[in-house]
PDB file of N, CA and C in Angstrom:
ATOM      1  N   MET A   1       0.834  -1.162   0.000  1.00  0.00           N
ATOM      2  CA  MET A   1       0.000   0.000   0.000  1.00  0.00           C
ATOM      3  C   MET A   1       0.883   1.231   0.000  1.00  0.00           C
ATOM      4  N   ILE A   2       0.649   2.153  -0.930  1.00  0.00           N
ATOM      5  CA  ILE A   2       1.425   3.391  -1.034  1.00  0.00           C
ATOM      6  C   ILE A   2       0.523   4.558  -0.685  1.00  0.00           C
ATOM      7  N   ALA A   3       1.000   5.417   0.221  1.00  0.00           N
ATOM      8  CA  ALA A   3       0.281   6.632   0.596  1.00  0.00           C
ATOM      9  C   ALA A   3       0.941   7.820  -0.083  1.00  0.00           C
ATOM     10  N   GLU A   4       0.178   8.525  -0.904  1.00  0.00           N
ATOM     11  CA  GLU A   4       0.637   9.752  -1.559  1.00  0.00           C
ATOM     12  C   GLU A   4       0.369  10.906  -0.599  1.00  0.00           C
ATOM     13  N   LEU A   5       1.389  11.689  -0.262  1.00  0.00           N
ATOM     14  CA  LEU A   5       1.260  12.723   0.746  1.00  0.00           C
ATOM     15  C   LEU A   5       0.947  14.102   0.183  1.00  0.00           C
ATOM     16  N   GLY A   6       0.827  14.227  -1.117  1.00  0.00           N
ATOM     17  CA  GLY A   6       0.493  15.515  -1.724  1.00  0.00           C
ATOM     18  C   GLY A   6       1.622  16.532  -1.635  1.00  0.00           C
ATOM     19  N   GLY A   7       2.840  16.055  -1.632  1.00  0.00           N
ATOM     20  CA  GLY A   7       4.013  16.918  -1.538  1.00  0.00           C
ATOM     21  C   GLY A   7       4.879  16.488  -0.368  1.00  0.00           C
ATOM     22  N   PRO A   8       6.072  17.050  -0.268  1.00  0.00           N
ATOM     23  CA  PRO A   8       6.995  16.649   0.789  1.00  0.00           C
ATOM     24  C   PRO A   8       6.460  16.984   2.180  1.00  0.00           C
ATOM     25  N   LYS A   9       6.511  16.000   3.069  1.00  0.00           N
ATOM     26  CA  LYS A   9       6.096  16.162   4.466  1.00  0.00           C
ATOM     27  C   LYS A   9       7.195  15.595   5.357  1.00  0.00           C
ATOM     28  N   THR A  10       7.454  16.270   6.466  1.00  0.00           N
ATOM     29  CA  THR A  10       8.436  15.792   7.435  1.00  0.00           C
ATOM     30  C   THR A  10       7.693  15.104   8.569  1.00  0.00           C
ATOM     31  N   PHE A  11       8.200  13.941   8.988  1.00  0.00           N
ATOM     32  CA  PHE A  11       7.566  13.197  10.072  1.00  0.00           C
ATOM     33  C   PHE A  11       8.622  12.402  10.828  1.00  0.00           C
ATOM     34  N   ASP A  12       8.281  12.036  12.059  1.00  0.00           N
ATOM     35  CA  ASP A  12       9.177  11.201  12.868  1.00  0.00           C
ATOM     36  C   ASP A  12       8.423  10.095  13.616  1.00  0.00           C
ATOM     37  N   HIS A  13       7.146   9.935  13.312  1.00  0.00           N
ATOM     38  CA  HIS A  13       6.342   8.839  13.852  1.00  0.00           C
ATOM     39  C   HIS A  13       5.432   8.296  12.755  1.00  0.00           C
ATOM     40  N   VAL A  14       5.311   6.989  12.703  1.00  0.00           N
ATOM     41  CA  VAL A  14       4.369   6.318  11.805  1.00  0.00           C
ATOM     42  C   VAL A  14       3.380   5.578  12.697  1.00  0.00           C
ATOM     43  N   VAL A  15       2.079   5.802  12.463  1.00  0.00           N
ATOM     44  CA  VAL A  15       1.040   5.128  13.233  1.00  0.00           C
ATOM     45  C   VAL A  15       0.255   4.232  12.282  1.00  0.00           C
ATOM     46  N   LEU A  16       0.159   2.957  12.623  1.00  0.00           N
ATOM     47  CA  LEU A  16      -0.580   1.984  11.819  1.00  0.00           C
ATOM     48  C   LEU A  16      -1.646   1.343  12.698  1.00  0.00           C
ATOM     49  N   GLY A  17      -2.756   0.963  12.078  1.00  0.00           N
ATOM     50  CA  GLY A  17      -3.806   0.276  12.814  1.00  0.00           C
ATOM     51  C   GLY A  17      -4.451  -0.797  11.963  1.00  0.00           C
ATOM     52  N   GLU A  18      -4.914  -1.868  12.619  1.00  0.00           N
ATOM     53  CA  GLU A  18      -5.667  -2.933  11.951  1.00  0.00           C
ATOM     54  C   GLU A  18      -7.135  -2.850  12.370  1.00  0.00           C
ATOM     55  N   THR A  19      -8.022  -3.352  11.520  1.00  0.00           N
ATOM     56  CA  THR A  19      -9.425  -3.499  11.882  1.00  0.00           C
ATOM     57  C   THR A  19      -9.507  -4.707  12.807  1.00  0.00           C
ATOM     58  N   ILE A  20      -9.417  -4.447  14.096  1.00  0.00           N
ATOM     59  CA  ILE A  20      -9.224  -5.519  15.070  1.00  0.00           C
ATOM     60  C   ILE A  20     -10.489  -6.361  15.290  1.00  0.00           C
ATOM     61  N   LYS A  21     -11.658  -5.875  14.882  1.00  0.00           N
ATOM     62  CA  LYS A  21     -12.893  -6.662  15.015  1.00  0.00           C
ATOM     63  C   LYS A  21     -12.801  -7.979  14.247  1.00  0.00           C
ATOM     64  N   LYS A  22     -11.974  -8.008  13.230  1.00  0.00           N
ATOM     65  CA  LYS A  22     -11.770  -9.226  12.425  1.00  0.00           C
ATOM     66  C   LYS A  22     -10.570 -10.034  12.913  1.00  0.00           C
ATOM     67  N   GLY A  23      -9.966  -9.606  14.023  1.00  0.00           N
ATOM     68  CA  GLY A  23      -8.827 -10.324  14.580  1.00  0.00           C
ATOM     69  C   GLY A  23      -7.501  -9.784  14.077  1.00  0.00           C
ATOM     70  N   GLN A  24      -6.459 -10.067  14.835  1.00  0.00           N
ATOM     71  CA  GLN A  24      -5.108  -9.679  14.443  1.00  0.00           C
ATOM     72  C   GLN A  24      -4.678 -10.555  13.272  1.00  0.00           C
ATOM     73  N   ARG A  25      -4.269  -9.930  12.194  1.00  0.00           N
ATOM     74  CA  ARG A  25      -3.925 -10.681  10.989  1.00  0.00           C
ATOM     75  C   ARG A  25      -2.459 -10.539  10.602  1.00  0.00           C
ATOM     76  N   ILE A  26      -1.899  -9.356  10.776  1.00  0.00           N
ATOM     77  CA  ILE A  26      -0.538  -9.068  10.310  1.00  0.00           C
ATOM     78  C   ILE A  26       0.480  -9.587  11.318  1.00  0.00           C
ATOM     79  N   SER A  27       1.462 -10.343  10.822  1.00  0.00           N
ATOM     80  CA  SER A  27       2.488 -10.873  11.709  1.00  0.00           C
ATOM     81  C   SER A  27       3.895 -10.351  11.392  1.00  0.00           C
ATOM     82  N   ARG A  28       4.048  -9.666  10.264  1.00  0.00           N
ATOM     83  CA  ARG A  28       5.335  -9.030   9.945  1.00  0.00           C
ATOM     84  C   ARG A  28       5.119  -7.993   8.858  1.00  0.00           C
ATOM     85  N   PHE A  29       5.741  -6.809   9.034  1.00  0.00           N
ATOM     86  CA  PHE A  29       5.576  -5.717   8.077  1.00  0.00           C
ATOM     87  C   PHE A  29       6.803  -4.813   8.128  1.00  0.00           C
ATOM     88  N   HIS A  30       6.904  -3.932   7.134  1.00  0.00           N
ATOM     89  CA  HIS A  30       7.876  -2.846   7.205  1.00  0.00           C
ATOM     90  C   HIS A  30       7.309  -1.628   6.484  1.00  0.00           C
ATOM     91  N   VAL A  31       7.927  -0.476   6.757  1.00  0.00           N
ATOM     92  CA  VAL A  31       7.502   0.797   6.182  1.00  0.00           C
ATOM     93  C   VAL A  31       8.680   1.384   5.440  1.00  0.00           C
ATOM     94  N   GLU A  32       8.418   1.895   4.234  1.00  0.00           N
ATOM     95  CA  GLU A  32       9.453   2.529   3.420  1.00  0.00           C
ATOM     96  C   GLU A  32       9.021   3.951   3.070  1.00  0.00           C
ATOM     97  N   ALA A  33      10.001   4.820   2.866  1.00  0.00           N
ATOM     98  CA  ALA A  33       9.754   6.188   2.400  1.00  0.00           C
ATOM     99  C   ALA A  33      10.568   6.408   1.133  1.00  0.00           C
ATOM    100  N   GLU A  34      10.000   7.153   0.212  1.00  0.00           N
ATOM    101  CA  GLU A  34      10.673   7.438  -1.061  1.00  0.00           C
ATOM    102  C   GLU A  34      11.415   8.765  -0.950  1.00  0.00           C
ATOM    103  N   ASN A  35      12.691   8.785  -1.362  1.00  0.00           N
ATOM    104  CA  ASN A  35      13.433  10.047  -1.326  1.00  0.00           C
ATOM    105  C   ASN A  35      13.202  10.828  -2.618  1.00  0.00           C
ATOM    106  N   GLU A  36      13.797  11.991  -2.701  1.00  0.00           N
ATOM    107  CA  GLU A  36      13.570  12.869  -3.859  1.00  0.00           C
ATOM    108  C   GLU A  36      14.097  12.292  -5.170  1.00  0.00           C
ATOM    109  N   ASP A  37      14.984  11.285  -5.093  1.00  0.00           N
ATOM    110  CA  ASP A  37      15.505  10.632  -6.295  1.00  0.00           C
ATOM    111  C   ASP A  37      14.679   9.412  -6.699  1.00  0.00           C
ATOM    112  N   GLY A  38      13.569   9.153  -5.968  1.00  0.00           N
ATOM    113  CA  GLY A  38      12.713   8.018  -6.294  1.00  0.00           C
ATOM    114  C   GLY A  38      13.176   6.696  -5.710  1.00  0.00           C
ATOM    115  N   ILE A  39      14.115   6.751  -4.776  1.00  0.00           N
ATOM    116  CA  ILE A  39      14.638   5.531  -4.149  1.00  0.00           C
ATOM    117  C   ILE A  39      13.889   5.288  -2.836  1.00  0.00           C
ATOM    118  N   TRP A  40      13.397   4.051  -2.672  1.00  0.00           N
ATOM    119  CA  TRP A  40      12.679   3.662  -1.462  1.00  0.00           C
ATOM    120  C   TRP A  40      13.664   3.170  -0.411  1.00  0.00           C
ATOM    121  N   THR A  41      13.476   3.636   0.838  1.00  0.00           N
ATOM    122  CA  THR A  41      14.330   3.255   1.957  1.00  0.00           C
ATOM    123  C   THR A  41      13.468   2.735   3.098  1.00  0.00           C
ATOM    124  N   ARG A  42      13.858   1.611   3.669  1.00  0.00           N
ATOM    125  CA  ARG A  42      13.139   1.062   4.824  1.00  0.00           C
ATOM    126  C   ARG A  42      13.396   1.961   6.033  1.00  0.00           C
ATOM    127  N   ILE A  43      12.321   2.407   6.678  1.00  0.00           N
ATOM    128  CA  ILE A  43      12.466   3.301   7.828  1.00  0.00           C
ATOM    129  C   ILE A  43      11.969   2.676   9.129  1.00  0.00           C
ATOM    130  N   ALA A  44      11.175   1.605   9.032  1.00  0.00           N
ATOM    131  CA  ALA A  44      10.663   0.950  10.244  1.00  0.00           C
ATOM    132  C   ALA A  44      10.205  -0.457   9.891  1.00  0.00           C
ATOM    133  N   GLU A  45      10.107  -1.300  10.919  1.00  0.00           N
ATOM    134  CA  GLU A  45       9.596  -2.656  10.718  1.00  0.00           C
ATOM    135  C   GLU A  45       9.022  -3.156  12.024  1.00  0.00           C
ATOM    136  N   GLY A  46       8.206  -4.186  11.937  1.00  0.00           N
ATOM    137  CA  GLY A  46       7.621  -4.741  13.140  1.00  0.00           C
ATOM    138  C   GLY A  46       7.002  -6.095  12.877  1.00  0.00           C
ATOM    139  N   THR A  47       6.510  -6.696  13.954  1.00  0.00           N
ATOM    140  CA  THR A  47       5.918  -8.024  13.842  1.00  0.00           C
ATOM    141  C   THR A  47       4.399  -7.984  13.871  1.00  0.00           C
ATOM    142  N   THR A  48       3.805  -7.143  14.698  1.00  0.00           N
ATOM    143  CA  THR A  48       2.343  -7.050  14.748  1.00  0.00           C
ATOM    144  C   THR A  48       1.932  -5.588  14.750  1.00  0.00           C
ATOM    145  N   ILE A  49       0.681  -5.355  14.360  1.00  0.00           N
ATOM    146  CA  ILE A  49       0.137  -3.999  14.369  1.00  0.00           C
ATOM    147  C   ILE A  49      -0.999  -3.887  15.382  1.00  0.00           C
ATOM    148  N   CYS A  50      -1.930  -4.847  15.367  1.00  0.00           N
ATOM    149  CA  CYS A  50      -3.096  -4.856  16.258  1.00  0.00           C
ATOM    150  C   CYS A  50      -3.918  -3.572  16.094  1.00  0.00           C
ATOM    151  N   TYR A  51      -4.548  -3.139  17.181  1.00  0.00           N
ATOM    152  CA  TYR A  51      -5.407  -1.944  17.131  1.00  0.00           C
ATOM    153  C   TYR A  51      -4.621  -0.717  16.704  1.00  0.00           C
ATOM    154  N   LYS A  52      -3.422  -0.531  17.294  1.00  0.00           N
ATOM    155  CA  LYS A  52      -2.603   0.627  16.952  1.00  0.00           C
ATOM    156  C   LYS A  52      -1.143   0.335  17.253  1.00  0.00           C
ATOM    157  N   ARG A  53      -0.295   0.663  16.304  1.00  0.00           N
ATOM    158  CA  ARG A  53       1.156   0.513  16.469  1.00  0.00           C
ATOM    159  C   ARG A  53       1.791   1.855  16.164  1.00  0.00           C
ATOM    160  N   ILE A  54       2.553   2.386  17.114  1.00  0.00           N
ATOM    161  CA  ILE A  54       3.244   3.661  16.942  1.00  0.00           C
ATOM    162  C   ILE A  54       4.730   3.371  16.808  1.00  0.00           C
ATOM    163  N   LEU A  55       5.299   3.795  15.690  1.00  0.00           N
ATOM    164  CA  LEU A  55       6.708   3.554  15.394  1.00  0.00           C
ATOM    165  C   LEU A  55       7.441   4.882  15.337  1.00  0.00           C
ATOM    166  N   GLN A  56       8.436   5.058  16.177  1.00  0.00           N
ATOM    167  CA  GLN A  56       9.261   6.257  16.132  1.00  0.00           C
ATOM    168  C   GLN A  56      10.374   6.030  15.119  1.00  0.00           C
ATOM    169  N   VAL A  57      10.577   7.001  14.229  1.00  0.00           N
ATOM    170  CA  VAL A  57      11.613   6.913  13.198  1.00  0.00           C
ATOM    171  C   VAL A  57      12.455   8.179  13.241  1.00  0.00           C
ATOM    172  N   GLU A  58      13.611   8.126  12.622  1.00  0.00           N
ATOM    173  CA  GLU A  58      14.419   9.333  12.472  1.00  0.00           C
ATOM    174  C   GLU A  58      13.616  10.331  11.631  1.00  0.00           C
ATOM    175  N   PRO A  59      13.691  11.624  11.934  1.00  0.00           N
ATOM    176  CA  PRO A  59      12.960  12.594  11.109  1.00  0.00           C
ATOM    177  C   PRO A  59      13.317  12.430   9.635  1.00  0.00           C
ATOM    178  N   ILE A  60      12.295  12.409   8.806  1.00  0.00           N
ATOM    179  CA  ILE A  60      12.475  12.206   7.370  1.00  0.00           C
ATOM    180  C   ILE A  60      11.450  13.049   6.622  1.00  0.00           C
ATOM    181  N   THR A  61      11.807  13.490   5.438  1.00  0.00           N
ATOM    182  CA  THR A  61      10.893  14.228   4.572  1.00  0.00           C
ATOM    183  C   THR A  61      10.670  13.397   3.324  1.00  0.00           C
ATOM    184  N   SER A  62       9.398  13.166   3.001  1.00  0.00           N
ATOM    185  CA  SER A  62       9.055  12.332   1.852  1.00  0.00           C
ATOM    186  C   SER A  62       7.691  12.740   1.310  1.00  0.00           C
ATOM    187  N   SER A  63       7.441  12.407   0.050  1.00  0.00           N
ATOM    188  CA  SER A  63       6.130  12.631  -0.585  1.00  0.00           C
ATOM    189  C   SER A  63       5.316  11.353  -0.676  1.00  0.00           C
ATOM    190  N   ARG A  64       5.979  10.205  -0.480  1.00  0.00           N
ATOM    191  CA  ARG A  64       5.288   8.915  -0.571  1.00  0.00           C
ATOM    192  C   ARG A  64       5.837   7.951   0.467  1.00  0.00           C
ATOM    193  N   VAL A  65       4.916   7.190   1.070  1.00  0.00           N
ATOM    194  CA  VAL A  65       5.270   6.191   2.072  1.00  0.00           C
ATOM    195  C   VAL A  65       4.594   4.892   1.682  1.00  0.00           C
ATOM    196  N   LYS A  66       5.304   3.795   1.868  1.00  0.00           N
ATOM    197  CA  LYS A  66       4.796   2.475   1.500  1.00  0.00           C
ATOM    198  C   LYS A  66       4.773   1.570   2.726  1.00  0.00           C
ATOM    199  N   VAL A  67       3.625   0.904   2.957  1.00  0.00           N
ATOM    200  CA  VAL A  67       3.512  -0.113   4.004  1.00  0.00           C
ATOM    201  C   VAL A  67       3.515  -1.468   3.305  1.00  0.00           C
ATOM    202  N   VAL A  68       4.470  -2.313   3.652  1.00  0.00           N
ATOM    203  CA  VAL A  68       4.624  -3.619   3.022  1.00  0.00           C
ATOM    204  C   VAL A  68       4.294  -4.697   4.056  1.00  0.00           C
ATOM    205  N   ILE A  69       3.253  -5.474   3.773  1.00  0.00           N
ATOM    206  CA  ILE A  69       2.877  -6.580   4.645  1.00  0.00           C
ATOM    207  C   ILE A  69       3.662  -7.801   4.181  1.00  0.00           C
ATOM    208  N   GLU A  70       4.545  -8.289   5.018  1.00  0.00           N
ATOM    209  CA  GLU A  70       5.390  -9.430   4.660  1.00  0.00           C
ATOM    210  C   GLU A  70       4.728 -10.757   4.998  1.00  0.00           C
ATOM    211  N   GLU A  71       4.000 -10.807   6.121  1.00  0.00           N
ATOM    212  CA  GLU A  71       3.313 -12.033   6.532  1.00  0.00           C
ATOM    213  C   GLU A  71       2.001 -11.672   7.206  1.00  0.00           C
ATOM    214  N   SER A  72       0.956 -12.444   6.891  1.00  0.00           N
ATOM    215  CA  SER A  72      -0.319 -12.292   7.584  1.00  0.00           C
ATOM    216  C   SER A  72      -1.059 -13.628   7.553  1.00  0.00           C
ATOM    217  N   THR A  73      -1.877 -13.863   8.576  1.00  0.00           N
ATOM    218  CA  THR A  73      -2.615 -15.117   8.658  1.00  0.00           C
ATOM    219  C   THR A  73      -3.809 -15.131   7.713  1.00  0.00           C
ATOM    220  N   TYR A  74      -4.406 -13.972   7.481  1.00  0.00           N
ATOM    221  CA  TYR A  74      -5.524 -13.773   6.553  1.00  0.00           C
ATOM    222  C   TYR A  74      -5.249 -12.484   5.794  1.00  0.00           C
ATOM    223  N   PRO A  75      -6.046 -12.150   4.780  1.00  0.00           N
ATOM    224  CA  PRO A  75      -5.826 -10.872   4.094  1.00  0.00           C
ATOM    225  C   PRO A  75      -5.819  -9.710   5.098  1.00  0.00           C
ATOM    226  N   PRO A  76      -4.804  -8.849   5.046  1.00  0.00           N
ATOM    227  CA  PRO A  76      -4.691  -7.762   6.026  1.00  0.00           C
ATOM    228  C   PRO A  76      -5.808  -6.731   5.851  1.00  0.00           C
ATOM    229  N   LEU A  77      -6.224  -6.152   6.969  1.00  0.00           N
ATOM    230  CA  LEU A  77      -7.241  -5.095   6.987  1.00  0.00           C
ATOM    231  C   LEU A  77      -6.675  -3.888   7.729  1.00  0.00           C
ATOM    232  N   ILE A  78      -6.023  -2.992   6.998  1.00  0.00           N
ATOM    233  CA  ILE A  78      -5.425  -1.796   7.589  1.00  0.00           C
ATOM    234  C   ILE A  78      -6.528  -0.747   7.784  1.00  0.00           C
ATOM    235  N   SER A  79      -6.638  -0.212   8.993  1.00  0.00           N
ATOM    236  CA  SER A  79      -7.652   0.800   9.278  1.00  0.00           C
ATOM    237  C   SER A  79      -7.060   2.198   9.410  1.00  0.00           C
ATOM    238  N   GLU A  80      -5.746   2.291   9.616  1.00  0.00           N
ATOM    239  CA  GLU A  80      -5.136   3.595   9.847  1.00  0.00           C
ATOM    240  C   GLU A  80      -3.693   3.612   9.372  1.00  0.00           C
ATOM    241  N   VAL A  81      -3.331   4.688   8.698  1.00  0.00           N
ATOM    242  CA  VAL A  81      -1.936   5.005   8.400  1.00  0.00           C
ATOM    243  C   VAL A  81      -1.795   6.487   8.690  1.00  0.00           C
ATOM    244  N   GLY A  82      -0.967   6.811   9.663  1.00  0.00           N
ATOM    245  CA  GLY A  82      -0.772   8.218  10.031  1.00  0.00           C
ATOM    246  C   GLY A  82       0.700   8.537  10.145  1.00  0.00           C
ATOM    247  N   LEU A  83       1.053   9.756   9.772  1.00  0.00           N
ATOM    248  CA  LEU A  83       2.416  10.238   9.877  1.00  0.00           C
ATOM    249  C   LEU A  83       2.389  11.511  10.703  1.00  0.00           C
ATOM    250  N   TYR A  84       3.272  11.609  11.694  1.00  0.00           N
ATOM    251  CA  TYR A  84       3.253  12.740  12.611  1.00  0.00           C
ATOM    252  C   TYR A  84       4.668  13.236  12.855  1.00  0.00           C
ATOM    253  N   TYR A  85       4.770  14.537  13.089  1.00  0.00           N
ATOM    254  CA  TYR A  85       6.049  15.141  13.418  1.00  0.00           C
ATOM    255  C   TYR A  85       5.954  15.736  14.816  1.00  0.00           C
ATOM    256  N   SER A  86       6.795  15.287  15.723  1.00  0.00           N
ATOM    257  CA  SER A  86       6.754  15.736  17.114  1.00  0.00           C
ATOM    258  C   SER A  86       7.454  17.073  17.305  1.00  0.00           C
ATOM    259  N   GLY A  87       8.306  17.443  16.362  1.00  0.00           N
ATOM    260  CA  GLY A  87       9.056  18.684  16.502  1.00  0.00           C
ATOM    261  C   GLY A  87      10.337  18.509  17.288  1.00  0.00           C
ATOM    262  N   ASN A  88      10.583  17.321  17.815  1.00  0.00           N
ATOM    263  CA  ASN A  88      11.810  17.044  18.558  1.00  0.00           C
ATOM    264  C   ASN A  88      12.869  16.493  17.610  1.00  0.00           C
ATOM    265  N   GLN A  89      14.092  16.996  17.720  1.00  0.00           N
ATOM    266  CA  GLN A  89      15.141  16.468  16.855  1.00  0.00           C
ATOM    267  C   GLN A  89      16.310  16.016  17.629  1.00  0.00           C
TER     268      GLN A  89
END
């Protein structure tokens, strides 16, 4: 899944959520951000998402972010993808 951000945005937290009413499905994932040269870089990874997973990352500026589901027990049901900047560096 690729999220188009409508231009460059700076963020240092990625928030992901699953539709938990259908059960936890995702067992491994990673998040990538595209740089200005079109190169994708892995910025975070994890094993489960559940209701909400908050991932702190190094501050990065990107126009596109990709969530890659590597393993899931059933088809994944993502309910939330959020990017936030805390202002702390």
